[in-house]
Amino acid sequence: MGSDEKRRGASRLVPGLVAALLLVPVVVALTSPHLANAPAARLVATATGVLALGLLVFQVVLPGRPRWLVRAAGAGLMRLHRVIAIAVVGLVLAHVGALFVYSPDDTLFALSPAAPAYSRLGVVASFCLALTVALSLGWRRLGLGRPEWRALHLALAGAILGTAFAHGFMVQGALDGLLGTLLLYAGLAVAGASILYTVISRSLRARGRLASRRASEEPSP
């Protein structure tokens, strides 16, 4: 099988596999006994929140450029990164909107310092997401170089995921129980490993470029 055929096969297989992995936590959450007879607004809030968290995990896998993903997306990897970012923002807005419809008082109370820790963590995660979007649109105007922006972007991604997963662990409801907890731990492990892999691989590439530059600058004997 040629390389083109392998890429076409991967491009067909990977999207379906990723979609299945994203939908499993949503199905587990929506079929939880905690949501029995729940109103539509609460179901929407749960589904959008869980799906946004899953997409965030997939989002931090992309910068590491794993081979299976490069084969599937090819040159469209950065375009996929932007599409997922837009989808995450839309899902978070839908999540907050559905929570407001379900309970306006509780949603507004989340902004208060007296709010429960899980609510404040959700607010912090949303704030970090909004800051990331703003900086992604204006990092050049702020005079940041590409290496500085990448480092800041990765740090913000870690902050978003850390607070979002903490929010997910502390909320009592749809992902309670053994299966939901295991899914949260699995997502956190994948996200953490992906960020660590990206940091290490970028550091190694930077050292390689520096070594090559120094070698090219050395005078010939």
C-alpha atoms as a PDB file:
ATOM      1  CA  MET A   1       0.000   0.000   0.000  1.00  0.00           C
ATOM      2  CA  GLY A   2       1.434   3.394  -1.055  1.00  0.00           C
ATOM      3  CA  SER A   3       1.839   6.417   1.210  1.00  0.00           C
ATOM      4  CA  ASP A   4      -1.081   8.210  -0.461  1.00  0.00           C
ATOM      5  CA  GLU A   5      -3.364   5.247   0.147  1.00  0.00           C
ATOM      6  CA  LYS A   6      -2.250   5.050   3.781  1.00  0.00           C
ATOM      7  CA  ARG A   7      -2.983   8.754   4.249  1.00  0.00           C
ATOM      8  CA  ARG A   8      -6.420   8.403   2.682  1.00  0.00           C
ATOM      9  CA  GLY A   9      -7.161   5.424   4.921  1.00  0.00           C
ATOM     10  CA  ALA A  10      -6.053   7.345   8.017  1.00  0.00           C
ATOM     11  CA  SER A  11      -8.047  10.394   6.990  1.00  0.00           C
ATOM     12  CA  ARG A  12     -11.189   8.252   6.866  1.00  0.00           C
ATOM     13  CA  LEU A  13     -10.529   6.281  10.057  1.00  0.00           C
ATOM     14  CA  VAL A  14      -9.254   8.976  12.454  1.00  0.00           C
ATOM     15  CA  PRO A  15     -12.281  11.333  12.380  1.00  0.00           C
ATOM     16  CA  GLY A  16     -14.655   8.483  13.200  1.00  0.00           C
ATOM     17  CA  LEU A  17     -12.413   7.229  15.985  1.00  0.00           C
ATOM     18  CA  VAL A  18     -12.027  10.706  17.503  1.00  0.00           C
ATOM     19  CA  ALA A  19     -15.787  11.325  17.267  1.00  0.00           C
ATOM     20  CA  ALA A  20     -16.468   8.034  19.075  1.00  0.00           C
ATOM     21  CA  LEU A  21     -14.006   8.914  21.845  1.00  0.00           C
ATOM     22  CA  LEU A  22     -15.630  12.327  22.254  1.00  0.00           C
ATOM     23  CA  LEU A  23     -19.172  10.973  22.315  1.00  0.00           C
ATOM     24  CA  VAL A  24     -18.606   8.197  24.876  1.00  0.00           C
ATOM     25  CA  PRO A  25     -18.310  10.623  27.854  1.00  0.00           C
ATOM     26  CA  VAL A  26     -21.347  12.547  26.609  1.00  0.00           C
ATOM     27  CA  VAL A  27     -23.433   9.379  26.470  1.00  0.00           C
ATOM     28  CA  VAL A  28     -22.206   8.310  29.923  1.00  0.00           C
ATOM     29  CA  ALA A  29     -23.112  11.736  31.336  1.00  0.00           C
ATOM     30  CA  LEU A  30     -26.547  11.950  29.741  1.00  0.00           C
ATOM     31  CA  THR A  31     -27.512   8.451  30.878  1.00  0.00           C
ATOM     32  CA  SER A  32     -26.496   9.140  34.479  1.00  0.00           C
ATOM     33  CA  PRO A  33     -29.203   8.592  37.125  1.00  0.00           C
ATOM     34  CA  HIS A  34     -28.471  12.133  38.309  1.00  0.00           C
ATOM     35  CA  LEU A  35     -30.092  13.443  35.139  1.00  0.00           C
ATOM     36  CA  ALA A  36     -33.221  11.306  35.274  1.00  0.00           C
ATOM     37  CA  ASN A  37     -36.195  13.568  34.505  1.00  0.00           C
ATOM     38  CA  ALA A  38     -33.843  16.569  34.220  1.00  0.00           C
ATOM     39  CA  PRO A  39     -35.118  19.531  32.178  1.00  0.00           C
ATOM     40  CA  ALA A  40     -33.774  20.101  28.677  1.00  0.00           C
ATOM     41  CA  ALA A  41     -31.624  23.066  29.749  1.00  0.00           C
ATOM     42  CA  ARG A  42     -29.705  20.922  32.221  1.00  0.00           C
ATOM     43  CA  LEU A  43     -29.198  18.189  29.638  1.00  0.00           C
ATOM     44  CA  VAL A  44     -27.852  20.735  27.145  1.00  0.00           C
ATOM     45  CA  ALA A  45     -25.559  22.222  29.797  1.00  0.00           C
ATOM     46  CA  THR A  46     -24.202  18.774  30.632  1.00  0.00           C
ATOM     47  CA  ALA A  47     -23.678  17.674  27.027  1.00  0.00           C
ATOM     48  CA  THR A  48     -21.975  20.909  25.949  1.00  0.00           C
ATOM     49  CA  GLY A  49     -19.743  20.986  29.019  1.00  0.00           C
ATOM     50  CA  VAL A  50     -18.563  17.380  28.634  1.00  0.00           C
ATOM     51  CA  LEU A  51     -18.049  17.754  24.879  1.00  0.00           C
ATOM     52  CA  ALA A  52     -16.077  20.980  25.348  1.00  0.00           C
ATOM     53  CA  LEU A  53     -13.802  19.223  27.846  1.00  0.00           C
ATOM     54  CA  GLY A  54     -13.213  16.357  25.410  1.00  0.00           C
ATOM     55  CA  LEU A  55     -12.367  18.766  22.593  1.00  0.00           C
ATOM     56  CA  LEU A  56      -9.946  20.609  24.865  1.00  0.00           C
ATOM     57  CA  VAL A  57      -8.074  17.353  25.417  1.00  0.00           C
ATOM     58  CA  PHE A  58      -7.921  16.737  21.666  1.00  0.00           C
ATOM     59  CA  GLN A  59      -6.802  20.348  21.169  1.00  0.00           C
ATOM     60  CA  VAL A  60      -3.645  19.898  23.263  1.00  0.00           C
ATOM     61  CA  VAL A  61      -2.809  16.691  21.399  1.00  0.00           C
ATOM     62  CA  LEU A  62      -2.451  18.645  18.135  1.00  0.00           C
ATOM     63  CA  PRO A  63       0.690  20.729  18.926  1.00  0.00           C
ATOM     64  CA  GLY A  64       2.668  17.531  19.518  1.00  0.00           C
ATOM     65  CA  ARG A  65       1.968  16.553  15.892  1.00  0.00           C
ATOM     66  CA  PRO A  66       1.569  12.795  16.452  1.00  0.00           C
ATOM     67  CA  ARG A  67       2.195  10.825  13.269  1.00  0.00           C
ATOM     68  CA  TRP A  68      -1.284   9.300  13.098  1.00  0.00           C
ATOM     69  CA  LEU A  69      -2.799  12.769  13.208  1.00  0.00           C
ATOM     70  CA  VAL A  70      -0.373  14.278  10.718  1.00  0.00           C
ATOM     71  CA  ARG A  71      -1.212  11.444   8.326  1.00  0.00           C
ATOM     72  CA  ALA A  72      -4.920  12.160   8.698  1.00  0.00           C
ATOM     73  CA  ALA A  73      -4.879  15.970   8.618  1.00  0.00           C
ATOM     74  CA  GLY A  74      -1.730  16.632   6.589  1.00  0.00           C
ATOM     75  CA  ALA A  75      -1.191  20.327   5.979  1.00  0.00           C
ATOM     76  CA  GLY A  76      -4.581  21.114   7.513  1.00  0.00           C
ATOM     77  CA  LEU A  77      -3.445  20.525  11.091  1.00  0.00           C
ATOM     78  CA  MET A  78      -3.410  24.212  12.052  1.00  0.00           C
ATOM     79  CA  ARG A  79      -6.753  24.777  10.346  1.00  0.00           C
ATOM     80  CA  LEU A  80      -8.152  21.910  12.414  1.00  0.00           C
ATOM     81  CA  HIS A  81      -6.686  23.546  15.535  1.00  0.00           C
ATOM     82  CA  ARG A  82      -8.564  26.781  14.764  1.00  0.00           C
ATOM     83  CA  VAL A  83     -11.821  24.967  13.982  1.00  0.00           C
ATOM     84  CA  ILE A  84     -11.670  23.094  17.287  1.00  0.00           C
ATOM     85  CA  ALA A  85     -10.919  26.336  19.138  1.00  0.00           C
ATOM     86  CA  ILE A  86     -14.025  27.955  17.647  1.00  0.00           C
ATOM     87  CA  ALA A  87     -16.080  24.877  18.528  1.00  0.00           C
ATOM     88  CA  VAL A  88     -14.837  24.926  22.143  1.00  0.00           C
ATOM     89  CA  VAL A  89     -15.729  28.604  22.539  1.00  0.00           C
ATOM     90  CA  GLY A  90     -19.189  27.963  21.086  1.00  0.00           C
ATOM     91  CA  LEU A  91     -19.754  24.967  23.374  1.00  0.00           C
ATOM     92  CA  VAL A  92     -18.663  26.890  26.477  1.00  0.00           C
ATOM     93  CA  LEU A  93     -21.029  29.742  25.580  1.00  0.00           C
ATOM     94  CA  ALA A  94     -23.834  27.223  25.071  1.00  0.00           C
ATOM     95  CA  HIS A  95     -22.925  25.565  28.391  1.00  0.00           C
ATOM     96  CA  VAL A  96     -23.125  28.850  30.297  1.00  0.00           C
ATOM     97  CA  GLY A  97     -26.286  29.879  28.459  1.00  0.00           C
ATOM     98  CA  ALA A  98     -28.025  26.591  29.251  1.00  0.00           C
ATOM     99  CA  LEU A  99     -26.991  26.869  32.911  1.00  0.00           C
ATOM    100  CA  PHE A 100     -28.454  30.367  33.010  1.00  0.00           C
ATOM    101  CA  VAL A 101     -31.734  29.141  31.541  1.00  0.00           C
ATOM    102  CA  TYR A 102     -31.793  26.273  34.046  1.00  0.00           C
ATOM    103  CA  SER A 103     -30.943  28.436  37.077  1.00  0.00           C
ATOM    104  CA  PRO A 104     -30.226  32.157  36.540  1.00  0.00           C
ATOM    105  CA  ASP A 105     -29.567  32.810  40.226  1.00  0.00           C
ATOM    106  CA  ASP A 106     -27.032  29.996  40.594  1.00  0.00           C
ATOM    107  CA  THR A 107     -25.258  31.025  37.380  1.00  0.00           C
ATOM    108  CA  LEU A 108     -24.862  34.624  38.515  1.00  0.00           C
ATOM    109  CA  PHE A 109     -23.855  33.480  41.992  1.00  0.00           C
ATOM    110  CA  ALA A 110     -20.914  31.608  40.403  1.00  0.00           C
ATOM    111  CA  LEU A 111     -19.296  35.011  39.846  1.00  0.00           C
ATOM    112  CA  SER A 112     -19.367  35.736  43.566  1.00  0.00           C
ATOM    113  CA  PRO A 113     -16.342  35.063  45.831  1.00  0.00           C
ATOM    114  CA  ALA A 114     -18.764  33.147  48.076  1.00  0.00           C
ATOM    115  CA  ALA A 115     -19.621  30.692  45.282  1.00  0.00           C
ATOM    116  CA  PRO A 116     -18.662  27.015  45.678  1.00  0.00           C
ATOM    117  CA  ALA A 117     -15.130  26.105  44.596  1.00  0.00           C
ATOM    118  CA  TYR A 118     -16.306  24.137  41.549  1.00  0.00           C
ATOM    119  CA  SER A 119     -18.251  27.168  40.298  1.00  0.00           C
ATOM    120  CA  ARG A 120     -15.259  29.480  40.712  1.00  0.00           C
ATOM    121  CA  LEU A 121     -13.048  26.969  38.927  1.00  0.00           C
ATOM    122  CA  GLY A 122     -15.473  26.977  36.002  1.00  0.00           C
ATOM    123  CA  VAL A 123     -15.330  30.771  35.912  1.00  0.00           C
ATOM    124  CA  VAL A 124     -11.517  30.731  35.973  1.00  0.00           C
ATOM    125  CA  ALA A 125     -11.424  28.182  33.147  1.00  0.00           C
ATOM    126  CA  SER A 126     -13.785  30.362  31.080  1.00  0.00           C
ATOM    127  CA  PHE A 127     -11.686  33.459  31.795  1.00  0.00           C
ATOM    128  CA  CYS A 128      -8.480  31.687  30.726  1.00  0.00           C
ATOM    129  CA  LEU A 129     -10.232  30.520  27.551  1.00  0.00           C
ATOM    130  CA  ALA A 130     -11.360  34.062  26.754  1.00  0.00           C
ATOM    131  CA  LEU A 131      -7.835  35.370  27.420  1.00  0.00           C
ATOM    132  CA  THR A 132      -6.379  32.739  25.101  1.00  0.00           C
ATOM    133  CA  VAL A 133      -8.762  33.733  22.310  1.00  0.00           C
ATOM    134  CA  ALA A 134      -7.950  37.437  22.777  1.00  0.00           C
ATOM    135  CA  LEU A 135      -4.191  36.823  22.775  1.00  0.00           C
ATOM    136  CA  SER A 136      -4.396  34.513  19.756  1.00  0.00           C
ATOM    137  CA  LEU A 137      -5.886  37.419  17.826  1.00  0.00           C
ATOM    138  CA  GLY A 138      -3.470  40.061  19.097  1.00  0.00           C
ATOM    139  CA  TRP A 139      -0.133  38.498  20.072  1.00  0.00           C
ATOM    140  CA  ARG A 140       1.655  40.088  17.130  1.00  0.00           C
ATOM    141  CA  ARG A 141       0.337  43.538  18.067  1.00  0.00           C
ATOM    142  CA  LEU A 142       1.667  43.007  21.585  1.00  0.00           C
ATOM    143  CA  GLY A 143       5.141  42.474  20.164  1.00  0.00           C
ATOM    144  CA  LEU A 144       5.377  38.810  21.128  1.00  0.00           C
ATOM    145  CA  GLY A 145       7.606  36.566  19.067  1.00  0.00           C
ATOM    146  CA  ARG A 146       6.363  33.189  17.910  1.00  0.00           C
ATOM    147  CA  PRO A 147       8.364  31.229  20.536  1.00  0.00           C
ATOM    148  CA  GLU A 148       7.042  33.467  23.336  1.00  0.00           C
ATOM    149  CA  TRP A 149       3.486  33.161  22.083  1.00  0.00           C
ATOM    150  CA  ARG A 150       3.737  29.380  21.815  1.00  0.00           C
ATOM    151  CA  ALA A 151       5.040  29.131  25.379  1.00  0.00           C
ATOM    152  CA  LEU A 152       2.292  31.438  26.690  1.00  0.00           C
ATOM    153  CA  HIS A 153      -0.343  29.605  24.669  1.00  0.00           C
ATOM    154  CA  LEU A 154       0.743  26.262  26.090  1.00  0.00           C
ATOM    155  CA  ALA A 155       0.761  27.640  29.653  1.00  0.00           C
ATOM    156  CA  LEU A 156      -2.775  28.984  29.205  1.00  0.00           C
ATOM    157  CA  ALA A 157      -3.878  25.633  27.778  1.00  0.00           C
ATOM    158  CA  GLY A 158      -2.543  23.969  30.919  1.00  0.00           C
ATOM    159  CA  ALA A 159      -4.417  26.462  33.094  1.00  0.00           C
ATOM    160  CA  ILE A 160      -7.660  25.918  31.172  1.00  0.00           C
ATOM    161  CA  LEU A 161      -7.422  22.148  31.369  1.00  0.00           C
ATOM    162  CA  GLY A 162      -6.380  22.121  35.011  1.00  0.00           C
ATOM    163  CA  THR A 163      -9.276  24.282  36.153  1.00  0.00           C
ATOM    164  CA  ALA A 164     -11.766  22.654  33.769  1.00  0.00           C
ATOM    165  CA  PHE A 165     -10.932  19.140  34.955  1.00  0.00           C
ATOM    166  CA  ALA A 166     -10.997  20.256  38.584  1.00  0.00           C
ATOM    167  CA  HIS A 167     -14.447  21.722  37.854  1.00  0.00           C
ATOM    168  CA  GLY A 168     -15.514  18.407  36.311  1.00  0.00           C
ATOM    169  CA  PHE A 169     -14.233  16.340  39.233  1.00  0.00           C
ATOM    170  CA  MET A 170     -15.903  18.536  41.857  1.00  0.00           C
ATOM    171  CA  VAL A 171     -19.324  18.929  40.246  1.00  0.00           C
ATOM    172  CA  GLN A 172     -21.665  16.398  41.776  1.00  0.00           C
ATOM    173  CA  GLY A 173     -23.763  14.928  39.021  1.00  0.00           C
ATOM    174  CA  ALA A 174     -23.424  13.405  35.583  1.00  0.00           C
ATOM    175  CA  LEU A 175     -19.833  12.096  35.752  1.00  0.00           C
ATOM    176  CA  ASP A 176     -20.050  10.739  39.291  1.00  0.00           C
ATOM    177  CA  GLY A 177     -19.536   7.034  39.640  1.00  0.00           C
ATOM    178  CA  LEU A 178     -16.753   4.700  38.573  1.00  0.00           C
ATOM    179  CA  LEU A 179     -17.041   5.031  34.794  1.00  0.00           C
ATOM    180  CA  GLY A 180     -17.385   8.809  34.798  1.00  0.00           C
ATOM    181  CA  THR A 181     -14.432   9.184  37.180  1.00  0.00           C
ATOM    182  CA  LEU A 182     -12.279   6.869  35.057  1.00  0.00           C
ATOM    183  CA  LEU A 183     -13.108   8.899  31.949  1.00  0.00           C
ATOM    184  CA  LEU A 184     -12.100  12.111  33.726  1.00  0.00           C
ATOM    185  CA  TYR A 185      -8.809  10.569  34.877  1.00  0.00           C
ATOM    186  CA  ALA A 186      -8.137   9.232  31.376  1.00  0.00           C
ATOM    187  CA  GLY A 187      -8.783  12.629  29.790  1.00  0.00           C
ATOM    188  CA  LEU A 188      -6.564  14.359  32.342  1.00  0.00           C
ATOM    189  CA  ALA A 189      -3.769  11.827  31.780  1.00  0.00           C
ATOM    190  CA  VAL A 190      -3.904  12.241  27.990  1.00  0.00           C
ATOM    191  CA  ALA A 191      -3.937  16.037  28.285  1.00  0.00           C
ATOM    192  CA  GLY A 192      -1.053  16.116  30.753  1.00  0.00           C
ATOM    193  CA  ALA A 193       1.034  13.698  28.698  1.00  0.00           C
ATOM    194  CA  SER A 194       0.351  15.683  25.525  1.00  0.00           C
ATOM    195  CA  ILE A 195       1.438  18.973  27.080  1.00  0.00           C
ATOM    196  CA  LEU A 196       4.583  17.364  28.505  1.00  0.00           C
ATOM    197  CA  TYR A 197       5.380  15.765  25.137  1.00  0.00           C
ATOM    198  CA  THR A 198       4.933  19.098  23.363  1.00  0.00           C
ATOM    199  CA  VAL A 199       7.224  20.900  25.826  1.00  0.00           C
ATOM    200  CA  ILE A 200       9.951  18.246  25.491  1.00  0.00           C
ATOM    201  CA  SER A 201       9.714  17.958  21.694  1.00  0.00           C
ATOM    202  CA  ARG A 202       9.830  21.731  21.217  1.00  0.00           C
ATOM    203  CA  SER A 203      12.824  21.980  23.533  1.00  0.00           C
ATOM    204  CA  LEU A 204      14.658  19.253  21.621  1.00  0.00           C
ATOM    205  CA  ARG A 205      13.865  20.870  18.269  1.00  0.00           C
ATOM    206  CA  ALA A 206      15.078  24.245  19.548  1.00  0.00           C
ATOM    207  CA  ARG A 207      18.343  22.675  20.750  1.00  0.00           C
ATOM    208  CA  GLY A 208      18.755  20.962  17.399  1.00  0.00           C
ATOM    209  CA  ARG A 209      18.274  24.219  15.501  1.00  0.00           C
ATOM    210  CA  LEU A 210      20.729  26.001  17.808  1.00  0.00           C
ATOM    211  CA  ALA A 211      23.332  23.278  17.337  1.00  0.00           C
ATOM    212  CA  SER A 212      22.893  23.412  13.554  1.00  0.00           C
ATOM    213  CA  ARG A 213      23.234  27.203  13.585  1.00  0.00           C
ATOM    214  CA  ARG A 214      26.410  27.050  15.632  1.00  0.00           C
ATOM    215  CA  ALA A 215      27.846  24.380  13.384  1.00  0.00           C
ATOM    216  CA  SER A 216      27.139  26.460  10.271  1.00  0.00           C
ATOM    217  CA  GLU A 217      28.794  29.517  11.857  1.00  0.00           C
ATOM    218  CA  GLU A 218      32.024  27.686  12.703  1.00  0.00           C
ATOM    219  CA  PRO A 219      34.864  28.621  10.322  1.00  0.00           C
ATOM    220  CA  SER A 220      35.974  25.958   7.911  1.00  0.00           C
ATOM    221  CA  PRO A 221      39.425  24.446   8.608  1.00  0.00           C
END
